[in-house]
């Protein structure tokens, strides 16, 4: 896959990998903690940057060729998706993926890895933009330290 260059004067594009993991919600933080032990998940001036969806339904049927017996019917499990970006470093990616496998409750976790571009702001630009949270009354989601 060829990714665009996105040359511009507003943000800096950076190549890397987007990793998506489907996991039962009760195990999601364990996965995040295992990943953070391998990579700080920096995103510009922030770290520990992950995204977790609301629970949805993952379905599967065991074929019986692995550790678990075959299931006659499809099984449904409430799961979330975790996603995050890591830099384009193969050795680091392998460490992160091994951490996911080691901390995931499934025999065959659903883990998707794809090349992507992320965009990082250029520090100091657009700070007077009226849409920035610091230029208006603080909303509930703004951390107390930033009010």
Protein backbone atom coordinates (compact mmCIF):
# COMPACT_ATOMS: atom_id res chain seq x y z
CA UNK A 1 0.00 0.00 0.00
CA UNK A 2 1.37 3.37 -0.98
CA UNK A 3 0.67 6.07 1.56
CA UNK A 4 0.47 9.75 0.52
CA UNK A 5 3.21 12.21 1.50
CA UNK A 6 0.78 14.91 2.68
CA UNK A 7 3.35 17.71 2.40
CA UNK A 8 1.92 20.85 4.07
CA UNK A 9 2.66 23.63 6.57
CA UNK A 10 0.01 22.77 9.21
CA UNK A 11 0.89 19.27 10.44
CA UNK A 12 3.64 16.67 10.18
CA UNK A 13 2.72 13.24 8.78
CA UNK A 14 4.42 10.22 10.32
CA UNK A 15 4.42 6.63 9.06
CA UNK A 16 3.68 3.81 11.45
CA UNK A 17 1.32 0.99 12.29
CA UNK A 18 -2.26 1.06 13.52
CA UNK A 19 -2.97 -1.88 15.78
CA UNK A 20 -6.53 -2.96 16.58
CA UNK A 21 -7.27 -5.61 19.19
CA UNK A 22 -10.67 -7.16 19.94
CA UNK A 23 -10.92 -8.22 23.58
CA UNK A 24 -13.57 -8.78 26.25
CA UNK A 25 -14.00 -5.46 28.06
CA UNK A 26 -12.94 -6.96 31.40
CA UNK A 27 -9.48 -7.69 29.91
CA UNK A 28 -9.00 -4.45 27.95
CA UNK A 29 -6.96 -2.58 30.56
CA UNK A 30 -4.68 -5.60 30.99
CA UNK A 31 -3.88 -5.40 27.25
CA UNK A 32 -3.28 -1.64 27.45
CA UNK A 33 -0.96 -2.08 30.45
CA UNK A 34 1.00 -4.83 28.68
CA UNK A 35 1.41 -2.65 25.58
CA UNK A 36 2.48 0.36 27.66
CA UNK A 37 5.19 -1.78 29.28
CA UNK A 38 6.71 -2.10 25.78
CA UNK A 39 5.89 1.26 24.17
CA UNK A 40 4.91 4.63 25.67
CA UNK A 41 2.36 5.16 22.85
CA UNK A 42 3.51 8.74 22.34
CA UNK A 43 1.37 10.97 20.19
CA UNK A 44 3.05 14.35 19.86
CA UNK A 45 3.08 15.99 23.28
CA UNK A 46 1.10 13.14 24.91
CA UNK A 47 1.69 9.51 25.77
CA UNK A 48 -0.45 6.49 26.72
CA UNK A 49 -2.73 7.37 23.78
CA UNK A 50 -5.22 4.58 23.06
CA UNK A 51 -8.82 4.35 21.95
CA UNK A 52 -11.42 1.92 23.28
CA UNK A 53 -14.81 1.46 21.64
CA UNK A 54 -18.07 0.83 23.45
CA UNK A 55 -18.76 -2.90 23.81
CA UNK A 56 -20.04 -4.69 20.74
CA UNK A 57 -20.46 -8.34 19.87
CA UNK A 58 -17.69 -10.58 18.57
CA UNK A 59 -18.77 -13.94 17.21
CA UNK A 60 -16.90 -17.14 16.38
CA UNK A 61 -17.24 -20.88 16.13
CA UNK A 62 -14.44 -23.14 17.26
CA UNK A 63 -13.37 -25.61 14.57
CA UNK A 64 -11.87 -27.95 17.17
CA UNK A 65 -8.42 -27.87 15.60
CA UNK A 66 -6.92 -25.80 18.43
CA UNK A 67 -6.95 -26.10 22.22
CA UNK A 68 -10.73 -25.83 22.49
CA UNK A 69 -13.33 -28.38 21.42
CA UNK A 70 -15.43 -27.67 18.35
CA UNK A 71 -18.63 -25.73 18.96
CA UNK A 72 -21.74 -26.62 17.04
CA UNK A 73 -23.10 -23.08 17.03
CA UNK A 74 -21.58 -19.63 16.77
CA UNK A 75 -20.65 -18.16 20.15
CA UNK A 76 -21.13 -14.46 20.88
CA UNK A 77 -18.89 -12.54 23.29
CA UNK A 78 -19.25 -8.88 24.28
CA UNK A 79 -15.96 -7.23 23.28
CA UNK A 80 -14.37 -3.84 22.79
CA UNK A 81 -11.81 -2.79 20.23
CA UNK A 82 -8.61 -1.17 21.38
CA UNK A 83 -6.62 0.78 18.84
CA UNK A 84 -3.37 2.68 18.94
CA UNK A 85 -0.47 3.86 16.78
CA UNK A 86 3.14 2.78 17.06
CA UNK A 87 6.11 3.97 15.04
CA UNK A 88 7.38 2.11 12.01
CA UNK A 89 9.91 -0.05 13.89
CA UNK A 90 9.57 -3.78 13.24
CA UNK A 91 11.43 -4.93 16.37
CA UNK A 92 9.22 -2.73 18.56
CA UNK A 93 6.09 -3.92 16.74
CA UNK A 94 7.02 -7.55 17.45
CA UNK A 95 7.54 -6.76 21.16
CA UNK A 96 4.17 -4.99 21.35
CA UNK A 97 2.37 -7.82 19.53
CA UNK A 98 3.98 -10.45 21.76
CA UNK A 99 2.79 -8.47 24.80
CA UNK A 100 -0.75 -8.52 23.39
CA UNK A 101 -0.62 -12.28 22.84
CA UNK A 102 0.81 -12.87 26.34
CA UNK A 103 -1.91 -10.84 28.07
CA UNK A 104 -4.95 -11.71 25.93
CA UNK A 105 -7.39 -14.34 27.26
CA UNK A 106 -7.99 -15.96 23.84
CA UNK A 107 -6.09 -18.75 22.12
CA UNK A 108 -6.45 -16.87 18.80
CA UNK A 109 -6.89 -13.16 19.52
CA UNK A 110 -8.19 -10.93 16.75
CA UNK A 111 -5.29 -8.52 16.19
CA UNK A 112 -5.14 -6.38 13.06
CA UNK A 113 -2.00 -4.50 12.04
CA UNK A 114 -1.97 -2.05 9.18
CA UNK A 115 0.31 0.63 7.80
CA UNK A 116 -0.98 4.13 8.31
CA UNK A 117 -0.09 7.78 8.56
CA UNK A 118 -0.79 9.87 11.59
CA UNK A 119 -0.66 13.64 11.68
CA UNK A 120 1.04 15.63 14.42
CA UNK A 121 0.41 19.31 15.01
CA UNK A 122 3.20 21.83 14.62
CA UNK A 123 3.68 23.24 18.11
CA UNK A 124 2.62 26.89 18.47
CA UNK A 125 0.38 27.08 15.39
CA UNK A 126 -3.28 27.98 15.64
CA UNK A 127 -3.26 28.44 19.44
CA UNK A 128 -5.74 31.34 19.23
CA UNK A 129 -8.26 29.21 17.31
CA UNK A 130 -11.66 29.70 19.01
CA UNK A 131 -12.36 25.97 18.63
CA UNK A 132 -9.51 24.99 20.97
CA UNK A 133 -10.84 24.00 24.38
CA UNK A 134 -8.58 26.47 26.21
CA UNK A 135 -10.17 29.39 24.32
CA UNK A 136 -13.69 28.77 25.66
CA UNK A 137 -15.51 27.70 28.81
CA UNK A 138 -14.27 24.31 30.00
CA UNK A 139 -16.46 21.38 29.09
CA UNK A 140 -16.89 18.32 31.33
CA UNK A 141 -14.30 16.27 29.42
CA UNK A 142 -11.48 18.77 29.98
CA UNK A 143 -9.15 17.51 32.75
CA UNK A 144 -9.10 19.64 35.88
CA UNK A 145 -5.36 20.32 35.33
CA UNK A 146 -6.16 22.03 32.00
CA UNK A 147 -8.92 24.34 33.18
